[in-house]
Amino acid sequence: MGSATITVAIADSGEFESLLKQLDAQQRPKAVKTALRNAGQTVARRARQLAPRSIQTGTRDDWSAATAALRASAAELHRSIGVVIRDYGDTFVAIVGPQYPAGAVAHLIEFGHELVAWGRPTGQRVPPQPFLRPAADETVAEQRSAIEQALTEALT
C-alpha cells in the first residue's frame, strides 16, 4: 500500500520478553516468526470479514474502464488479504493486508479517494470504508493471546 500504511504496535510486551529470554537464542527467531504469523492471521481473518465486497464509486455516469477495474478489484479484495513476515536483522514485522493485484485498490477503499470520471476529477470524494484499522483494533486481545500461546508452545 505504499505510503498509505497503518502501523499497530502491542505496547507493554514485558511478558513476551520474559518468555523470549527463556528460549535458546537459536530458537527465538523461529518462535517470534510463528507468534507474529499467528497474530497476523487473527487480524487477517477479521479484515476479510470487514472488507467490503462492493464499493461506492459515484453515479452511473462515471462508468469507465478504470471504475470497472476498481469495482472488480474491490469484489476480490477480501480474498487477497494475507500475512507476510519480514526479517530486518533483529527485528521481525508482520505485514497484514491485501496483496496484488486485487489489493492494489485497498488504500482507495480504506482511506477514501477523489472521484474521477472519464479520467477527470469531479471534485467529489468517495467516503472511506475502513477494514484494516478496525480489524487491527478489534483483535488486540486475540493478537496478544496468539503471541503468548506461540511463545509458550516454543518453550515446551
Protein backbone atom coordinates (compact mmCIF):
# COMPACT_ATOMS: atom_id res chain seq x y z
CA MET A 1 0.00 0.00 0.00
CA GLY A 2 2.99 2.32 -0.15
CA SER A 3 2.59 5.46 1.94
CA ALA A 4 -0.97 4.52 2.93
CA THR A 5 0.03 2.26 5.79
CA ILE A 6 -1.40 1.50 9.19
CA THR A 7 1.01 0.65 11.99
CA VAL A 8 -0.09 -1.19 15.10
CA ALA A 9 2.24 -2.00 17.98
CA ILE A 10 1.34 -4.05 21.01
CA ALA A 11 2.61 -1.97 23.92
CA ASP A 12 3.76 -3.27 27.30
CA SER A 13 5.16 -6.51 25.94
CA GLY A 14 7.25 -7.27 29.02
CA GLU A 15 5.56 -10.65 29.41
CA PHE A 16 6.64 -11.59 25.88
CA GLU A 17 10.20 -10.52 26.56
CA SER A 18 10.37 -12.76 29.63
CA LEU A 19 9.11 -15.71 27.56
CA LEU A 20 11.68 -14.97 24.84
CA LYS A 21 14.52 -14.82 27.36
CA GLN A 22 13.64 -18.36 28.43
CA LEU A 23 14.17 -19.61 24.87
CA ASP A 24 17.51 -20.65 23.47
CA ALA A 25 18.94 -17.88 21.26
CA GLN A 26 18.73 -20.14 18.18
CA GLN A 27 15.04 -20.89 18.81
CA ARG A 28 13.97 -17.26 19.22
CA PRO A 29 13.72 -16.20 15.55
CA LYS A 30 11.51 -19.15 14.63
CA ALA A 31 9.33 -18.66 17.72
CA VAL A 32 8.92 -14.93 17.04
CA LYS A 33 8.04 -15.54 13.39
CA THR A 34 5.44 -18.13 14.38
CA ALA A 35 3.99 -15.82 17.03
CA LEU A 36 3.78 -12.91 14.60
CA ARG A 37 2.24 -15.07 11.88
CA ASN A 38 -0.43 -16.32 14.30
CA ALA A 39 -1.20 -12.78 15.47
CA GLY A 40 -1.25 -11.57 11.87
CA GLN A 41 -3.66 -14.32 10.87
CA THR A 42 -6.01 -13.10 13.59
CA VAL A 43 -6.03 -9.63 12.06
CA ALA A 44 -6.28 -11.01 8.51
CA ARG A 45 -9.34 -13.13 9.37
CA ARG A 46 -11.15 -10.12 10.80
CA ALA A 47 -10.08 -7.87 7.92
CA ARG A 48 -11.50 -10.41 5.44
CA GLN A 49 -14.82 -10.23 7.29
CA LEU A 50 -14.83 -6.43 7.30
CA ALA A 51 -13.56 -5.86 3.75
CA PRO A 52 -16.33 -4.53 1.51
CA ARG A 53 -17.46 -6.87 -1.26
CA SER A 54 -18.51 -3.91 -3.39
CA ILE A 55 -17.66 -0.23 -3.36
CA GLN A 56 -19.41 3.03 -3.95
CA THR A 57 -17.87 4.84 -6.92
CA GLY A 58 -20.44 7.52 -7.59
CA THR A 59 -23.20 7.67 -10.18
CA ARG A 60 -23.70 5.54 -13.26
CA ASP A 61 -22.40 8.48 -15.33
CA ASP A 62 -18.88 7.83 -14.13
CA TRP A 63 -18.74 4.28 -15.50
CA SER A 64 -15.40 3.92 -17.22
CA ALA A 65 -12.75 1.25 -17.68
CA ALA A 66 -10.97 2.49 -14.55
CA THR A 67 -14.16 2.36 -12.49
CA ALA A 68 -14.93 -1.12 -13.79
CA ALA A 69 -11.45 -2.28 -12.79
CA LEU A 70 -11.82 -0.70 -9.36
CA ARG A 71 -15.18 -2.40 -8.78
CA ALA A 72 -13.81 -5.77 -9.94
CA SER A 73 -10.76 -5.47 -7.66
CA ALA A 74 -12.92 -4.49 -4.70
CA ALA A 75 -15.05 -7.59 -5.21
CA GLU A 76 -11.94 -9.75 -4.80
CA LEU A 77 -10.29 -7.65 -2.10
CA HIS A 78 -11.27 -9.85 0.84
CA ARG A 79 -9.69 -12.91 -0.79
CA SER A 80 -6.36 -11.16 -1.24
CA ILE A 81 -5.76 -10.31 2.43
CA GLY A 82 -2.78 -12.19 3.76
CA VAL A 83 0.17 -12.10 6.16
CA VAL A 84 3.84 -11.68 5.29
CA ILE A 85 6.63 -11.86 7.87
CA ARG A 86 9.69 -9.67 7.24
CA ASP A 87 13.04 -10.13 8.95
CA TYR A 88 15.05 -6.93 9.45
CA GLY A 89 18.01 -8.39 11.31
CA ASP A 90 17.00 -8.37 14.97
CA THR A 91 13.50 -7.03 14.23
CA PHE A 92 10.62 -9.04 12.83
CA VAL A 93 7.48 -7.49 11.39
CA ALA A 94 4.13 -9.00 10.43
CA ILE A 95 2.60 -7.20 7.45
CA VAL A 96 -1.11 -7.81 7.13
CA GLY A 97 -3.03 -6.58 4.14
CA PRO A 98 -4.32 -7.11 0.65
CA GLN A 99 -1.87 -8.44 -1.89
CA TYR A 100 -1.51 -7.53 -5.54
CA PRO A 101 -3.41 -7.43 -7.89
CA ALA A 102 -6.75 -7.26 -6.02
CA GLY A 103 -5.08 -5.42 -3.16
CA ALA A 104 -3.91 -2.61 -5.43
CA VAL A 105 -7.11 -0.68 -4.64
CA ALA A 106 -7.13 -1.28 -0.88
CA HIS A 107 -5.81 2.16 0.03
CA LEU A 108 -8.55 3.78 -2.04
CA ILE A 109 -11.19 1.83 -0.15
CA GLU A 110 -9.62 2.12 3.31
CA PHE A 111 -8.97 5.87 3.17
CA GLY A 112 -11.45 7.07 0.53
CA HIS A 113 -10.48 8.83 -2.68
CA GLU A 114 -11.35 11.57 -5.11
CA LEU A 115 -13.96 10.53 -7.61
CA VAL A 116 -12.59 10.55 -11.14
CA ALA A 117 -14.96 10.21 -14.09
CA TRP A 118 -13.59 9.54 -17.55
CA GLY A 119 -10.11 10.50 -16.41
CA ARG A 120 -11.14 13.82 -14.88
CA PRO A 121 -11.53 14.78 -11.23
CA THR A 122 -15.14 15.52 -10.32
CA GLY A 123 -14.49 17.43 -7.11
CA GLN A 124 -16.34 14.73 -5.16
CA ARG A 125 -14.87 12.28 -2.70
CA VAL A 126 -15.78 8.65 -2.26
CA PRO A 127 -16.02 8.08 1.50
CA PRO A 128 -13.61 5.70 3.20
CA GLN A 129 -14.71 2.16 4.03
CA PRO A 130 -12.06 1.18 6.59
CA PHE A 131 -11.48 -2.50 7.21
CA LEU A 132 -7.80 -2.91 8.12
CA ARG A 133 -7.60 -0.44 11.02
CA PRO A 134 -10.82 -1.72 12.62
CA ALA A 135 -9.60 -5.31 12.22
CA ALA A 136 -6.32 -4.49 13.95
CA ASP A 137 -8.03 -2.51 16.71
CA GLU A 138 -10.72 -5.11 17.38
CA THR A 139 -8.32 -8.04 17.68
CA VAL A 140 -5.61 -6.67 20.01
CA ALA A 141 -6.51 -9.10 22.81
CA GLU A 142 -6.56 -12.03 20.37
CA GLN A 143 -3.22 -10.94 18.92
CA ARG A 144 -1.65 -10.84 22.38
CA SER A 145 -3.09 -14.28 23.14
CA ALA A 146 -1.80 -15.74 19.86
CA ILE A 147 1.69 -14.38 20.53
CA GLU A 148 1.74 -15.64 24.11
CA GLN A 149 0.46 -19.07 23.09
CA ALA A 150 3.05 -19.45 20.32
CA LEU A 151 5.91 -18.43 22.61
CA THR A 152 4.68 -20.73 25.37
CA GLU A 153 4.46 -23.63 22.91
CA ALA A 154 8.01 -22.91 21.77
CA LEU A 155 9.18 -23.34 25.36
CA THR A 156 7.74 -26.85 25.64
